[in-house]
Amino acid sequence: MIRVQHLTLALCVALMLAFSSDMRGQSTAPVNSLDGIWSSETAYGPALRGELIVRREGASWRATLSSAEAGFNVTGDSVRFAFPGNQGQFRGTLAEKGDVITGFWLQPEGAVMALSTAQRFATPLVLRRAGRGVWRGTVRSLDNRFTLYLKIFQDADGALIGAFRNPDQNSRGGTTQFRVSREGNSVVFSARSRARFNSDLTIGT
C-alpha cells in the first residue's frame, strides 16, 4: 500500500501541473473552476527492448540486448538465458537445421505491474540466422502503464471534493476522498483524519 500511495501522489503532481497549464490557455473557462474529470497516463519501461543478438563460438554462447549482455550454456536444443539484474529472460528452442530459434521473451514485472500481479509478460520471439553462429530478433516489450483519474465535484455543502481512482487495478491510493481548495496558483488536497481535514498535498503552478 505504501508503494501505491507514493505512486499516486507522484502522479497527482504531474496531473495537476498539466491541467493547470491547460486552464491558463482557456480564456472561456472560469479560472477557479476545477469541477470535472481529469486523467493522466504514464508509461514505465521496461528498459530492455530492440534488437537481440545471440552468438555462438564453439561451446560458448552470448546474448546482447541494448547495453545488457549475458553468457550461457546450451543443452540439447534448449536455448535459455537471463540478463543480470532481473532485466529479462529468453526461453527458446533451436530448430533442427539451426536456421531459427523460436521462443518467448519474458520481461520483468515492472513497478506498476507489480501492484496487481507478480507474474511476468511473455512475448513470442523468433531469432533468425544472420550469419555463421549469429541469430537476431527484435524484442518488443510491453509498456507498463498506469492511468490515474481525478474526479472533482461539489458535495451537499458546496465544498469541492476530489477522488483519485485507477480502475484498471481497482486502486484508490489509500484515501477515499480529498477536500479540494485553491490558494492563488496552488491547488491543495486535504485528506480526512479523525473527522477533520488535514493538509496532505499542495501543488503549485
N, C-alpha and C. Protein backbone atom coordinates (compact mmCIF):
# COMPACT_ATOMS: atom_id res chain seq x y z
N MET A 1 0.83 -1.20 0.00
CA MET A 1 0.00 0.00 0.00
C MET A 1 0.87 1.25 0.00
N ILE A 2 2.03 1.20 0.65
CA ILE A 2 2.90 2.38 0.69
C ILE A 2 3.36 2.74 -0.71
N ARG A 3 3.69 1.70 -1.54
CA ARG A 3 4.14 1.97 -2.90
C ARG A 3 3.03 2.60 -3.72
N VAL A 4 1.78 2.13 -3.49
CA VAL A 4 0.65 2.69 -4.22
C VAL A 4 0.46 4.15 -3.87
N GLN A 5 0.56 4.48 -2.58
CA GLN A 5 0.37 5.87 -2.14
C GLN A 5 1.43 6.77 -2.73
N HIS A 6 2.69 6.34 -2.69
CA HIS A 6 3.76 7.17 -3.24
C HIS A 6 3.58 7.37 -4.72
N LEU A 7 3.19 6.31 -5.44
CA LEU A 7 3.00 6.42 -6.88
C LEU A 7 1.84 7.34 -7.20
N THR A 8 0.75 7.22 -6.42
CA THR A 8 -0.41 8.06 -6.67
C THR A 8 -0.09 9.53 -6.45
N LEU A 9 0.62 9.85 -5.36
CA LEU A 9 0.95 11.23 -5.08
C LEU A 9 1.86 11.81 -6.16
N ALA A 10 2.80 11.01 -6.64
CA ALA A 10 3.69 11.48 -7.70
C ALA A 10 2.92 11.78 -8.97
N LEU A 11 1.98 10.92 -9.30
CA LEU A 11 1.18 11.14 -10.50
C LEU A 11 0.22 12.32 -10.31
N CYS A 12 -0.22 12.53 -9.07
CA CYS A 12 -1.09 13.68 -8.79
C CYS A 12 -0.37 14.97 -9.17
N VAL A 13 0.89 15.06 -8.79
CA VAL A 13 1.66 16.27 -9.09
C VAL A 13 1.73 16.51 -10.58
N ALA A 14 2.06 15.47 -11.34
CA ALA A 14 2.17 15.62 -12.79
C ALA A 14 0.83 15.97 -13.40
N LEU A 15 -0.23 15.33 -12.90
CA LEU A 15 -1.56 15.57 -13.43
C LEU A 15 -2.02 17.00 -13.18
N MET A 16 -1.87 17.47 -11.96
CA MET A 16 -2.36 18.80 -11.62
C MET A 16 -1.56 19.89 -12.31
N LEU A 17 -0.26 19.70 -12.44
CA LEU A 17 0.54 20.68 -13.18
C LEU A 17 0.12 20.74 -14.63
N ALA A 18 -0.23 19.59 -15.19
CA ALA A 18 -0.64 19.55 -16.60
C ALA A 18 -1.95 20.29 -16.82
N PHE A 19 -2.98 20.00 -15.97
CA PHE A 19 -4.26 20.64 -16.25
C PHE A 19 -4.28 22.10 -15.80
N SER A 20 -3.38 22.48 -14.88
CA SER A 20 -3.28 23.89 -14.51
C SER A 20 -2.76 24.71 -15.68
N SER A 21 -1.77 24.15 -16.43
CA SER A 21 -1.24 24.84 -17.60
C SER A 21 -2.31 24.97 -18.67
N ASP A 22 -3.12 23.89 -18.84
CA ASP A 22 -4.18 23.93 -19.84
C ASP A 22 -5.22 24.99 -19.49
N MET A 23 -5.51 25.14 -18.19
CA MET A 23 -6.52 26.10 -17.77
C MET A 23 -6.12 27.53 -18.09
N ARG A 24 -4.81 27.82 -18.01
CA ARG A 24 -4.36 29.18 -18.29
C ARG A 24 -4.57 29.54 -19.76
N GLY A 25 -4.60 28.51 -20.62
CA GLY A 25 -4.76 28.79 -22.04
C GLY A 25 -6.21 28.80 -22.49
N GLN A 26 -7.18 28.57 -21.58
CA GLN A 26 -8.59 28.55 -21.94
C GLN A 26 -9.27 29.76 -21.32
N SER A 27 -9.43 30.80 -22.11
CA SER A 27 -9.98 32.04 -21.59
C SER A 27 -11.48 31.95 -21.36
N THR A 28 -12.17 30.97 -21.99
CA THR A 28 -13.63 30.87 -21.86
C THR A 28 -14.04 30.16 -20.58
N ALA A 29 -13.12 29.43 -19.91
CA ALA A 29 -13.47 28.70 -18.70
C ALA A 29 -13.14 29.54 -17.47
N PRO A 30 -13.98 29.44 -16.41
CA PRO A 30 -13.70 30.19 -15.18
C PRO A 30 -12.36 29.76 -14.61
N VAL A 31 -11.60 30.74 -14.10
CA VAL A 31 -10.27 30.46 -13.58
C VAL A 31 -10.33 29.51 -12.39
N ASN A 32 -11.37 29.64 -11.55
CA ASN A 32 -11.44 28.84 -10.34
C ASN A 32 -12.29 27.60 -10.52
N SER A 33 -12.60 27.22 -11.72
CA SER A 33 -13.43 26.05 -11.96
C SER A 33 -12.57 24.80 -12.05
N LEU A 34 -12.69 23.93 -11.05
CA LEU A 34 -11.95 22.68 -11.02
C LEU A 34 -12.85 21.47 -11.20
N ASP A 35 -14.17 21.70 -11.24
CA ASP A 35 -15.11 20.59 -11.38
C ASP A 35 -14.85 19.82 -12.66
N GLY A 36 -14.98 18.51 -12.58
CA GLY A 36 -14.85 17.69 -13.78
C GLY A 36 -14.01 16.45 -13.52
N ILE A 37 -13.72 15.74 -14.60
CA ILE A 37 -12.91 14.53 -14.53
C ILE A 37 -11.61 14.77 -15.29
N TRP A 38 -10.49 14.53 -14.61
CA TRP A 38 -9.16 14.72 -15.19
C TRP A 38 -8.48 13.36 -15.27
N SER A 39 -7.61 13.20 -16.23
CA SER A 39 -6.93 11.91 -16.36
C SER A 39 -5.48 12.10 -16.78
N SER A 40 -4.66 11.12 -16.43
CA SER A 40 -3.25 11.14 -16.80
C SER A 40 -2.78 9.70 -16.99
N GLU A 41 -2.02 9.44 -18.08
CA GLU A 41 -1.48 8.10 -18.32
C GLU A 41 0.03 8.18 -18.40
N THR A 42 0.70 7.34 -17.64
CA THR A 42 2.15 7.33 -17.60
C THR A 42 2.65 5.94 -17.99
N ALA A 43 3.67 5.89 -18.85
CA ALA A 43 4.26 4.63 -19.28
C ALA A 43 5.63 4.46 -18.63
N TYR A 44 5.88 3.27 -18.11
CA TYR A 44 7.15 2.96 -17.47
C TYR A 44 7.81 1.79 -18.18
N GLY A 45 9.08 1.93 -18.59
CA GLY A 45 9.91 0.84 -19.11
C GLY A 45 9.11 -0.29 -19.76
N PRO A 46 9.65 -1.49 -19.80
CA PRO A 46 10.96 -1.85 -19.28
C PRO A 46 12.11 -1.30 -20.11
N ALA A 47 13.31 -1.35 -19.54
CA ALA A 47 14.45 -0.71 -20.18
C ALA A 47 14.94 -1.46 -21.42
N LEU A 48 14.90 -2.80 -21.38
CA LEU A 48 15.44 -3.58 -22.49
C LEU A 48 14.41 -3.79 -23.59
N ARG A 49 14.78 -3.40 -24.78
CA ARG A 49 13.97 -3.62 -25.98
C ARG A 49 14.84 -3.35 -27.19
N GLY A 50 14.40 -3.81 -28.34
CA GLY A 50 15.18 -3.59 -29.55
C GLY A 50 15.76 -4.89 -30.07
N GLU A 51 16.89 -4.81 -30.76
CA GLU A 51 17.48 -5.98 -31.41
C GLU A 51 18.23 -6.86 -30.41
N LEU A 52 17.84 -8.12 -30.39
CA LEU A 52 18.50 -9.12 -29.55
C LEU A 52 19.42 -9.96 -30.45
N ILE A 53 20.69 -10.07 -30.07
CA ILE A 53 21.67 -10.81 -30.86
C ILE A 53 22.22 -11.96 -30.01
N VAL A 54 22.16 -13.16 -30.57
CA VAL A 54 22.71 -14.34 -29.91
C VAL A 54 23.87 -14.85 -30.77
N ARG A 55 25.02 -15.05 -30.12
CA ARG A 55 26.21 -15.53 -30.83
C ARG A 55 26.72 -16.82 -30.18
N ARG A 56 27.22 -17.71 -31.06
CA ARG A 56 27.83 -18.95 -30.58
C ARG A 56 29.25 -19.04 -31.10
N GLU A 57 30.17 -19.27 -30.20
CA GLU A 57 31.57 -19.50 -30.56
C GLU A 57 32.01 -20.80 -29.90
N GLY A 58 31.98 -21.88 -30.68
CA GLY A 58 32.27 -23.19 -30.12
C GLY A 58 31.17 -23.59 -29.15
N ALA A 59 31.54 -23.85 -27.91
CA ALA A 59 30.56 -24.23 -26.89
C ALA A 59 30.07 -23.03 -26.09
N SER A 60 30.62 -21.85 -26.39
CA SER A 60 30.24 -20.63 -25.65
C SER A 60 29.14 -19.88 -26.38
N TRP A 61 28.15 -19.41 -25.62
CA TRP A 61 27.05 -18.63 -26.17
C TRP A 61 26.97 -17.30 -25.43
N ARG A 62 26.57 -16.26 -26.16
CA ARG A 62 26.44 -14.93 -25.55
C ARG A 62 25.27 -14.19 -26.20
N ALA A 63 24.48 -13.51 -25.36
CA ALA A 63 23.34 -12.73 -25.84
C ALA A 63 23.57 -11.26 -25.52
N THR A 64 23.17 -10.39 -26.46
CA THR A 64 23.31 -8.94 -26.28
C THR A 64 22.00 -8.27 -26.63
N LEU A 65 21.56 -7.38 -25.75
CA LEU A 65 20.34 -6.59 -25.99
C LEU A 65 20.54 -5.23 -25.36
N SER A 66 20.48 -4.18 -26.19
CA SER A 66 20.79 -2.82 -25.73
C SER A 66 22.19 -2.84 -25.09
N SER A 67 22.30 -2.45 -23.83
CA SER A 67 23.60 -2.42 -23.17
C SER A 67 23.83 -3.63 -22.27
N ALA A 68 22.90 -4.60 -22.31
CA ALA A 68 22.99 -5.77 -21.44
C ALA A 68 23.59 -6.96 -22.19
N GLU A 69 24.39 -7.74 -21.48
CA GLU A 69 24.99 -8.95 -22.03
C GLU A 69 24.85 -10.10 -21.04
N ALA A 70 24.75 -11.31 -21.60
CA ALA A 70 24.64 -12.49 -20.75
C ALA A 70 25.31 -13.66 -21.45
N GLY A 71 26.18 -14.37 -20.73
CA GLY A 71 26.77 -15.60 -21.23
C GLY A 71 25.98 -16.78 -20.71
N PHE A 72 25.90 -17.86 -21.50
CA PHE A 72 25.10 -19.01 -21.08
C PHE A 72 25.55 -20.25 -21.82
N ASN A 73 25.06 -21.41 -21.36
CA ASN A 73 25.33 -22.69 -21.99
C ASN A 73 24.04 -23.24 -22.59
N VAL A 74 24.17 -24.01 -23.65
CA VAL A 74 23.03 -24.63 -24.31
C VAL A 74 23.09 -26.13 -24.13
N THR A 75 21.97 -26.69 -23.68
CA THR A 75 21.86 -28.13 -23.51
C THR A 75 20.87 -28.67 -24.53
N GLY A 76 21.34 -29.52 -25.43
CA GLY A 76 20.48 -30.04 -26.47
C GLY A 76 20.03 -28.92 -27.39
N ASP A 77 18.71 -28.81 -27.60
CA ASP A 77 18.17 -27.74 -28.44
C ASP A 77 17.53 -26.63 -27.62
N SER A 78 17.69 -26.67 -26.30
CA SER A 78 17.09 -25.68 -25.41
C SER A 78 18.00 -24.47 -25.25
N VAL A 79 17.50 -23.30 -25.66
CA VAL A 79 18.26 -22.05 -25.56
C VAL A 79 17.60 -21.18 -24.49
N ARG A 80 18.28 -21.01 -23.37
CA ARG A 80 17.72 -20.22 -22.28
C ARG A 80 18.81 -19.34 -21.67
N PHE A 81 18.43 -18.09 -21.42
CA PHE A 81 19.38 -17.19 -20.75
C PHE A 81 18.61 -16.07 -20.08
N ALA A 82 19.26 -15.43 -19.12
CA ALA A 82 18.66 -14.32 -18.37
C ALA A 82 19.69 -13.21 -18.25
N PHE A 83 19.27 -11.99 -18.46
CA PHE A 83 20.17 -10.85 -18.30
C PHE A 83 20.27 -10.49 -16.82
N PRO A 84 21.45 -10.08 -16.37
CA PRO A 84 21.64 -9.77 -14.94
C PRO A 84 20.77 -8.61 -14.49
N GLY A 85 20.49 -8.60 -13.19
CA GLY A 85 19.68 -7.53 -12.63
C GLY A 85 18.20 -7.67 -12.90
N ASN A 86 17.74 -8.90 -13.21
CA ASN A 86 16.32 -9.13 -13.47
C ASN A 86 15.79 -8.22 -14.57
N GLN A 87 16.57 -8.12 -15.67
CA GLN A 87 16.17 -7.25 -16.77
C GLN A 87 15.36 -7.97 -17.85
N GLY A 88 15.30 -9.30 -17.77
CA GLY A 88 14.53 -10.04 -18.76
C GLY A 88 15.17 -11.38 -19.05
N GLN A 89 14.36 -12.29 -19.61
CA GLN A 89 14.82 -13.63 -19.91
C GLN A 89 14.32 -14.07 -21.28
N PHE A 90 15.02 -15.07 -21.84
CA PHE A 90 14.57 -15.69 -23.09
C PHE A 90 14.56 -17.20 -22.90
N ARG A 91 13.50 -17.83 -23.40
CA ARG A 91 13.40 -19.29 -23.38
C ARG A 91 12.97 -19.74 -24.77
N GLY A 92 13.82 -20.50 -25.41
CA GLY A 92 13.52 -20.90 -26.77
C GLY A 92 14.10 -22.25 -27.13
N THR A 93 13.87 -22.63 -28.40
CA THR A 93 14.33 -23.90 -28.93
C THR A 93 15.02 -23.68 -30.26
N LEU A 94 16.20 -24.27 -30.41
CA LEU A 94 16.95 -24.17 -31.66
C LEU A 94 16.41 -25.19 -32.64
N ALA A 95 16.03 -24.73 -33.85
CA ALA A 95 15.48 -25.62 -34.87
C ALA A 95 16.53 -26.66 -35.28
N GLU A 96 16.05 -27.77 -35.82
CA GLU A 96 16.94 -28.88 -36.17
C GLU A 96 18.03 -28.44 -37.14
N LYS A 97 17.68 -27.60 -38.13
CA LYS A 97 18.66 -27.14 -39.11
C LYS A 97 19.45 -25.93 -38.61
N GLY A 98 19.05 -25.38 -37.46
CA GLY A 98 19.79 -24.26 -36.89
C GLY A 98 19.48 -22.92 -37.51
N ASP A 99 18.43 -22.85 -38.36
CA ASP A 99 18.11 -21.59 -39.03
C ASP A 99 17.44 -20.58 -38.09
N VAL A 100 16.63 -21.06 -37.18
CA VAL A 100 15.89 -20.15 -36.29
C VAL A 100 15.91 -20.68 -34.86
N ILE A 101 15.72 -19.75 -33.94
CA ILE A 101 15.49 -20.07 -32.53
C ILE A 101 14.14 -19.48 -32.18
N THR A 102 13.17 -20.31 -31.89
CA THR A 102 11.83 -19.84 -31.58
C THR A 102 11.59 -19.95 -30.08
N GLY A 103 10.95 -18.94 -29.53
CA GLY A 103 10.69 -18.97 -28.09
C GLY A 103 9.90 -17.79 -27.62
N PHE A 104 10.14 -17.40 -26.37
CA PHE A 104 9.40 -16.31 -25.74
C PHE A 104 10.37 -15.41 -24.98
N TRP A 105 10.12 -14.12 -25.07
CA TRP A 105 10.82 -13.12 -24.26
C TRP A 105 9.99 -12.87 -23.02
N LEU A 106 10.60 -13.02 -21.84
CA LEU A 106 9.92 -12.80 -20.56
C LEU A 106 10.45 -11.50 -19.96
N GLN A 107 9.62 -10.48 -20.01
CA GLN A 107 10.05 -9.20 -19.44
C GLN A 107 9.77 -9.19 -17.94
N PRO A 108 10.59 -8.47 -17.17
CA PRO A 108 10.40 -8.45 -15.71
C PRO A 108 9.13 -7.72 -15.32
N GLU A 109 8.60 -8.09 -14.17
CA GLU A 109 7.45 -7.36 -13.65
C GLU A 109 7.88 -5.95 -13.31
N GLY A 110 7.14 -4.96 -13.79
CA GLY A 110 7.51 -3.57 -13.58
C GLY A 110 6.95 -3.02 -12.29
N ALA A 111 7.30 -1.75 -12.02
CA ALA A 111 6.84 -1.10 -10.78
C ALA A 111 5.32 -1.03 -10.74
N VAL A 112 4.70 -0.84 -11.92
CA VAL A 112 3.24 -0.72 -11.95
C VAL A 112 2.59 -2.09 -11.98
N MET A 113 3.12 -2.99 -12.81
CA MET A 113 2.52 -4.31 -12.89
C MET A 113 2.57 -5.02 -11.55
N ALA A 114 3.63 -4.78 -10.77
CA ALA A 114 3.79 -5.49 -9.50
C ALA A 114 2.69 -5.13 -8.51
N LEU A 115 1.98 -4.02 -8.74
CA LEU A 115 0.90 -3.65 -7.84
C LEU A 115 -0.25 -4.62 -7.92
N SER A 116 -0.46 -5.23 -9.10
CA SER A 116 -1.60 -6.11 -9.27
C SER A 116 -1.22 -7.57 -9.44
N THR A 117 -0.01 -7.85 -9.95
CA THR A 117 0.40 -9.22 -10.16
C THR A 117 1.92 -9.31 -10.17
N ALA A 118 2.42 -10.45 -9.66
CA ALA A 118 3.86 -10.67 -9.65
C ALA A 118 4.29 -11.47 -10.87
N GLN A 119 3.37 -11.79 -11.77
CA GLN A 119 3.69 -12.57 -12.95
C GLN A 119 4.29 -11.68 -14.04
N ARG A 120 5.15 -12.28 -14.85
CA ARG A 120 5.78 -11.56 -15.94
C ARG A 120 5.01 -11.77 -17.24
N PHE A 121 5.16 -10.83 -18.19
CA PHE A 121 4.56 -10.97 -19.51
C PHE A 121 5.51 -11.74 -20.41
N ALA A 122 4.97 -12.68 -21.20
CA ALA A 122 5.75 -13.45 -22.17
C ALA A 122 5.31 -13.06 -23.57
N THR A 123 6.29 -12.67 -24.41
CA THR A 123 6.01 -12.25 -25.78
C THR A 123 6.71 -13.19 -26.75
N PRO A 124 5.99 -13.73 -27.77
CA PRO A 124 6.65 -14.61 -28.75
C PRO A 124 7.81 -13.90 -29.44
N LEU A 125 8.90 -14.64 -29.65
CA LEU A 125 10.08 -14.05 -30.27
C LEU A 125 10.79 -15.10 -31.11
N VAL A 126 11.13 -14.72 -32.35
CA VAL A 126 11.85 -15.60 -33.26
C VAL A 126 13.19 -14.96 -33.60
N LEU A 127 14.26 -15.70 -33.37
CA LEU A 127 15.61 -15.25 -33.73
C LEU A 127 16.02 -16.00 -35.00
N ARG A 128 16.38 -15.27 -36.05
CA ARG A 128 16.75 -15.88 -37.32
C ARG A 128 18.25 -15.79 -37.55
N ARG A 129 18.77 -16.80 -38.24
CA ARG A 129 20.20 -16.83 -38.50
C ARG A 129 20.60 -15.61 -39.34
N ALA A 130 21.64 -14.92 -38.90
CA ALA A 130 22.13 -13.74 -39.61
C ALA A 130 23.60 -13.88 -39.98
N GLY A 131 24.09 -15.10 -39.97
CA GLY A 131 25.50 -15.36 -40.26
C GLY A 131 25.94 -16.60 -39.53
N ARG A 132 27.19 -16.95 -39.68
CA ARG A 132 27.70 -18.14 -39.02
C ARG A 132 27.71 -17.94 -37.49
N GLY A 133 26.91 -18.74 -36.81
CA GLY A 133 26.85 -18.66 -35.35
C GLY A 133 26.22 -17.39 -34.82
N VAL A 134 25.36 -16.74 -35.62
CA VAL A 134 24.72 -15.50 -35.18
C VAL A 134 23.22 -15.56 -35.48
N TRP A 135 22.38 -15.20 -34.50
CA TRP A 135 20.93 -15.12 -34.67
C TRP A 135 20.46 -13.75 -34.16
N ARG A 136 19.49 -13.21 -34.86
CA ARG A 136 18.97 -11.89 -34.50
C ARG A 136 17.44 -11.89 -34.45
N GLY A 137 16.91 -11.07 -33.58
CA GLY A 137 15.46 -10.87 -33.48
C GLY A 137 15.18 -9.57 -32.76
N THR A 138 13.93 -9.13 -32.79
CA THR A 138 13.56 -7.85 -32.18
C THR A 138 12.66 -8.07 -30.98
N VAL A 139 13.10 -7.57 -29.83
CA VAL A 139 12.31 -7.64 -28.60
C VAL A 139 11.38 -6.44 -28.55
N ARG A 140 10.10 -6.70 -28.54
CA ARG A 140 9.09 -5.63 -28.44
C ARG A 140 8.38 -5.77 -27.09
N SER A 141 8.99 -5.21 -26.08
CA SER A 141 8.44 -5.32 -24.73
C SER A 141 7.16 -4.51 -24.60
N LEU A 142 6.28 -4.98 -23.76
CA LEU A 142 5.04 -4.27 -23.48
C LEU A 142 5.29 -3.19 -22.43
N ASP A 143 4.77 -2.01 -22.67
CA ASP A 143 4.93 -0.92 -21.71
C ASP A 143 4.11 -1.19 -20.45
N ASN A 144 4.67 -0.82 -19.31
CA ASN A 144 3.90 -0.79 -18.07
C ASN A 144 3.20 0.56 -18.03
N ARG A 145 1.89 0.54 -17.94
CA ARG A 145 1.13 1.79 -17.96
C ARG A 145 0.30 1.94 -16.69
N PHE A 146 0.19 3.18 -16.26
CA PHE A 146 -0.64 3.50 -15.09
C PHE A 146 -1.53 4.69 -15.46
N THR A 147 -2.84 4.48 -15.41
CA THR A 147 -3.80 5.53 -15.72
C THR A 147 -4.45 6.01 -14.43
N LEU A 148 -4.38 7.31 -14.20
CA LEU A 148 -4.95 7.90 -12.98
C LEU A 148 -6.06 8.87 -13.36
N TYR A 149 -7.21 8.71 -12.71
CA TYR A 149 -8.34 9.61 -12.91
C TYR A 149 -8.60 10.40 -11.63
N LEU A 150 -8.93 11.66 -11.80
CA LEU A 150 -9.29 12.53 -10.69
C LEU A 150 -10.66 13.14 -10.98
N LYS A 151 -11.62 12.88 -10.12
CA LYS A 151 -12.94 13.48 -10.23
C LYS A 151 -13.10 14.54 -9.15
N ILE A 152 -13.40 15.77 -9.55
CA ILE A 152 -13.64 16.86 -8.60
C ILE A 152 -15.10 17.28 -8.72
N PHE A 153 -15.79 17.30 -7.59
CA PHE A 153 -17.21 17.62 -7.58
C PHE A 153 -17.56 18.35 -6.29
N GLN A 154 -18.77 18.88 -6.22
CA GLN A 154 -19.22 19.58 -5.03
C GLN A 154 -20.11 18.67 -4.20
N ASP A 155 -19.88 18.68 -2.87
CA ASP A 155 -20.74 17.89 -2.00
C ASP A 155 -22.00 18.67 -1.66
N ALA A 156 -22.83 18.14 -0.75
CA ALA A 156 -24.11 18.77 -0.42
C ALA A 156 -23.93 20.16 0.18
N ASP A 157 -22.76 20.43 0.78
CA ASP A 157 -22.49 21.74 1.39
C ASP A 157 -21.82 22.70 0.41
N GLY A 158 -21.59 22.26 -0.82
CA GLY A 158 -20.96 23.11 -1.81
C GLY A 158 -19.44 23.08 -1.79
N ALA A 159 -18.84 22.23 -0.92
CA ALA A 159 -17.39 22.12 -0.85
C ALA A 159 -16.88 21.24 -1.99
N LEU A 160 -15.70 21.57 -2.49
CA LEU A 160 -15.11 20.76 -3.55
C LEU A 160 -14.46 19.51 -2.97
N ILE A 161 -14.78 18.35 -3.56
CA ILE A 161 -14.25 17.07 -3.14
C ILE A 161 -13.53 16.43 -4.33
N GLY A 162 -12.36 15.83 -4.08
CA GLY A 162 -11.61 15.15 -5.12
C GLY A 162 -11.43 13.68 -4.79
N ALA A 163 -11.54 12.84 -5.81
CA ALA A 163 -11.36 11.40 -5.63
C ALA A 163 -10.44 10.87 -6.73
N PHE A 164 -9.33 10.23 -6.34
CA PHE A 164 -8.40 9.63 -7.29
C PHE A 164 -8.72 8.15 -7.44
N ARG A 165 -8.70 7.67 -8.69
CA ARG A 165 -9.00 6.28 -8.95
C ARG A 165 -8.15 5.73 -10.08
N ASN A 166 -7.81 4.45 -9.97
CA ASN A 166 -7.20 3.70 -11.07
C ASN A 166 -8.06 2.47 -11.28
N PRO A 167 -9.04 2.53 -12.19
CA PRO A 167 -9.98 1.40 -12.35
C PRO A 167 -9.31 0.14 -12.87
N ASP A 168 -8.20 0.27 -13.60
CA ASP A 168 -7.52 -0.91 -14.13
C ASP A 168 -7.07 -1.85 -13.01
N GLN A 169 -6.63 -1.27 -11.90
CA GLN A 169 -6.14 -2.06 -10.78
C GLN A 169 -7.02 -1.92 -9.55
N ASN A 170 -8.18 -1.30 -9.72
CA ASN A 170 -9.12 -1.11 -8.62
C ASN A 170 -8.43 -0.46 -7.42
N SER A 171 -7.64 0.59 -7.71
CA SER A 171 -6.86 1.26 -6.68
C SER A 171 -7.42 2.65 -6.40
N ARG A 172 -7.46 3.01 -5.12
CA ARG A 172 -7.88 4.35 -4.72
C ARG A 172 -6.79 5.06 -3.95
N GLY A 173 -5.59 4.49 -3.92
CA GLY A 173 -4.44 5.17 -3.35
C GLY A 173 -4.43 5.31 -1.84
N GLY A 174 -5.28 4.59 -1.12
CA GLY A 174 -5.26 4.61 0.34
C GLY A 174 -6.19 5.64 0.97
N THR A 175 -6.67 6.63 0.21
CA THR A 175 -7.58 7.64 0.74
C THR A 175 -8.78 7.75 -0.20
N THR A 176 -9.99 7.67 0.36
CA THR A 176 -11.18 7.66 -0.48
C THR A 176 -11.43 9.00 -1.14
N GLN A 177 -11.40 10.09 -0.35
CA GLN A 177 -11.70 11.42 -0.88
C GLN A 177 -10.79 12.47 -0.25
N PHE A 178 -10.62 13.58 -0.98
CA PHE A 178 -9.85 14.73 -0.50
C PHE A 178 -10.74 15.97 -0.55
N ARG A 179 -10.53 16.87 0.38
CA ARG A 179 -11.11 18.21 0.27
C ARG A 179 -10.20 19.01 -0.66
N VAL A 180 -10.77 19.70 -1.63
CA VAL A 180 -10.01 20.42 -2.64
C VAL A 180 -10.23 21.92 -2.47
N SER A 181 -9.13 22.69 -2.47
CA SER A 181 -9.24 24.14 -2.40
C SER A 181 -8.16 24.74 -3.27
N ARG A 182 -8.36 26.00 -3.63
CA ARG A 182 -7.38 26.70 -4.45
C ARG A 182 -6.90 27.93 -3.70
N GLU A 183 -5.58 28.04 -3.59
CA GLU A 183 -4.97 29.18 -2.91
C GLU A 183 -4.01 29.85 -3.89
N GLY A 184 -4.48 30.90 -4.52
CA GLY A 184 -3.68 31.57 -5.54
C GLY A 184 -3.46 30.64 -6.72
N ASN A 185 -2.20 30.35 -7.02
CA ASN A 185 -1.88 29.44 -8.11
C ASN A 185 -1.62 28.01 -7.64
N SER A 186 -2.03 27.72 -6.40
CA SER A 186 -1.83 26.38 -5.86
C SER A 186 -3.16 25.68 -5.65
N VAL A 187 -3.16 24.37 -5.89
CA VAL A 187 -4.31 23.52 -5.61
C VAL A 187 -3.95 22.65 -4.41
N VAL A 188 -4.78 22.69 -3.37
CA VAL A 188 -4.49 21.99 -2.13
C VAL A 188 -5.47 20.84 -1.95
N PHE A 189 -4.91 19.64 -1.68
CA PHE A 189 -5.71 18.47 -1.37
C PHE A 189 -5.53 18.15 0.11
N SER A 190 -6.64 18.00 0.83
CA SER A 190 -6.58 17.69 2.25
C SER A 190 -7.30 16.38 2.50
N ALA A 191 -6.65 15.46 3.22
CA ALA A 191 -7.21 14.14 3.47
C ALA A 191 -7.93 14.10 4.81
N ARG A 192 -8.97 13.28 4.88
CA ARG A 192 -9.71 13.12 6.13
C ARG A 192 -8.86 12.40 7.17
N SER A 193 -8.95 12.85 8.41
CA SER A 193 -8.27 12.17 9.52
C SER A 193 -9.02 12.49 10.80
N ARG A 194 -9.65 11.46 11.37
CA ARG A 194 -10.42 11.64 12.61
C ARG A 194 -11.44 12.76 12.48
N ALA A 195 -12.26 12.62 11.43
CA ALA A 195 -13.37 13.55 11.19
C ALA A 195 -12.92 14.96 10.89
N ARG A 196 -11.62 15.19 10.69
CA ARG A 196 -11.12 16.51 10.33
C ARG A 196 -10.32 16.39 9.06
N PHE A 197 -10.16 17.50 8.36
CA PHE A 197 -9.34 17.53 7.16
C PHE A 197 -7.98 18.11 7.50
N ASN A 198 -6.93 17.32 7.27
CA ASN A 198 -5.57 17.79 7.49
C ASN A 198 -4.87 17.96 6.17
N SER A 199 -4.06 18.99 6.04
CA SER A 199 -3.36 19.24 4.79
C SER A 199 -2.46 18.07 4.45
N ASP A 200 -2.59 17.56 3.23
CA ASP A 200 -1.82 16.39 2.82
C ASP A 200 -0.97 16.65 1.59
N LEU A 201 -1.42 17.46 0.68
CA LEU A 201 -0.70 17.67 -0.56
C LEU A 201 -1.01 19.04 -1.12
N THR A 202 0.03 19.82 -1.43
CA THR A 202 -0.14 21.12 -2.04
C THR A 202 0.62 21.14 -3.34
N ILE A 203 -0.04 21.59 -4.39
CA ILE A 203 0.57 21.62 -5.71
C ILE A 203 0.59 23.06 -6.22
N GLY A 204 1.77 23.58 -6.52
CA GLY A 204 1.90 24.93 -7.04
C GLY A 204 2.03 24.90 -8.55
N THR A 205 1.63 26.01 -9.19
CA THR A 205 1.71 26.10 -10.65
C THR A 205 2.65 27.21 -11.04
